[in-house]
Protein backbone atom coordinates (compact mmCIF):
# COMPACT_ATOMS: atom_id res chain seq x y z
CA MET A 1 211.79 -187.41 -66.16
CA LYS A 2 209.75 -190.60 -65.88
CA PHE A 3 206.01 -190.52 -65.36
CA ASN A 4 203.78 -193.33 -64.12
CA SER A 5 200.52 -191.74 -65.23
CA LEU A 6 199.02 -188.97 -67.33
CA ASP A 7 198.00 -187.23 -64.11
CA GLU A 8 201.62 -187.18 -62.94
CA PHE A 9 202.68 -185.76 -66.32
CA LEU A 10 200.04 -183.00 -66.15
CA LYS A 11 201.13 -182.02 -62.62
CA ALA A 12 204.73 -181.70 -63.81
CA VAL A 13 203.59 -179.56 -66.75
CA GLU A 14 201.61 -177.32 -64.38
CA ALA A 15 204.74 -176.86 -62.28
CA LEU A 16 206.71 -175.75 -65.36
CA GLU A 17 203.92 -173.38 -66.37
CA SER A 18 203.97 -171.89 -62.87
CA GLN A 19 207.74 -171.50 -62.99
CA TYR A 20 207.41 -169.61 -66.29
CA LYS A 21 204.58 -167.42 -64.97
CA ASN A 22 206.47 -166.64 -61.76
CA HIS A 23 209.47 -165.48 -63.76
CA PHE A 24 207.78 -163.53 -66.56
CA ASP A 25 204.54 -162.59 -64.76
CA GLU A 26 202.57 -163.96 -67.71
CA ASP A 27 201.37 -167.31 -68.98
CA ILE A 28 203.10 -169.25 -71.71
CA PRO A 29 201.55 -167.91 -74.94
CA SER A 30 198.68 -169.98 -76.29
CA LYS A 31 199.53 -169.27 -79.93
CA ILE A 32 202.57 -171.51 -80.19
CA LEU A 33 203.19 -174.83 -81.82
CA GLY A 34 204.11 -176.48 -78.59
CA TRP A 35 205.44 -179.72 -77.34
CA TRP A 36 202.36 -181.93 -77.93
CA ASP A 37 198.83 -181.77 -79.28
CA PRO A 38 196.55 -181.27 -76.26
CA VAL A 39 193.49 -182.46 -78.19
CA HIS A 40 195.10 -185.86 -78.78
CA LEU A 41 197.02 -186.19 -75.53
CA HIS A 42 195.46 -189.61 -74.95
CA ALA A 43 197.10 -190.92 -78.13
CA TYR A 44 200.66 -190.40 -76.91
CA THR A 45 202.69 -193.10 -75.24
CA MET A 46 204.20 -192.30 -71.85
CA SER A 47 207.63 -192.35 -73.50
CA GLU A 48 206.51 -189.73 -76.04
CA LEU A 49 205.11 -187.55 -73.25
CA GLU A 50 208.36 -187.89 -71.32
CA ASP A 51 210.30 -186.73 -74.40
CA SER A 52 207.89 -183.84 -74.94
CA TYR A 53 208.15 -182.83 -71.29
CA SER A 54 211.94 -182.86 -71.58
CA GLU A 55 211.75 -180.52 -74.58
CA MET A 56 209.33 -178.23 -72.74
CA TYR A 57 211.57 -178.23 -69.67
CA ASP A 58 214.62 -177.27 -71.75
CA ASP A 59 212.71 -174.49 -73.54
CA ILE A 60 211.31 -173.06 -70.29
CA GLN A 61 214.70 -173.17 -68.56
CA ASP A 62 216.35 -171.51 -71.57
CA ALA A 63 213.71 -168.77 -71.61
CA ILE A 64 214.20 -168.10 -67.90
CA GLU A 65 218.00 -168.24 -68.00
CA THR A 66 218.17 -165.81 -70.91
CA ASN A 67 215.22 -163.77 -69.64
CA THR A 68 213.64 -164.14 -73.07
CA PRO A 69 209.91 -164.96 -73.09
CA ILE A 70 208.58 -167.47 -75.58
CA GLU A 71 207.20 -165.55 -78.53
CA PRO A 72 203.73 -166.37 -79.81
CA MET A 73 203.07 -166.88 -83.50
CA SER A 74 201.63 -163.89 -85.32
CA ASP A 75 197.85 -163.92 -85.79
CA GLU A 76 198.41 -164.25 -89.53
CA SER A 77 200.66 -167.30 -89.17
CA TRP A 78 198.36 -168.82 -86.56
CA ASP A 79 195.33 -168.44 -88.83
CA MET A 80 197.20 -170.14 -91.68
CA THR A 81 198.12 -173.15 -89.53
CA ILE A 82 196.10 -176.27 -90.25
CA PHE A 83 195.22 -178.31 -87.18
């Protein structure tokens, strides 16, 4: 998917998050190493965000098609992750 702006990208991400929530009745876990670093979102090129969105889309569709929610990292693993 091509995006013309960061705002357009964020709206598409919100739509995927809603699709996930509608299917599993829960949000995508926050303790995952996801598709991009939200703190440094401004540092990505639009092409990098498009690639990341594509990966997120594939992961969300796979989770829904297999009815397998995305698993969060354990608290122990999360605490050991250096950001």
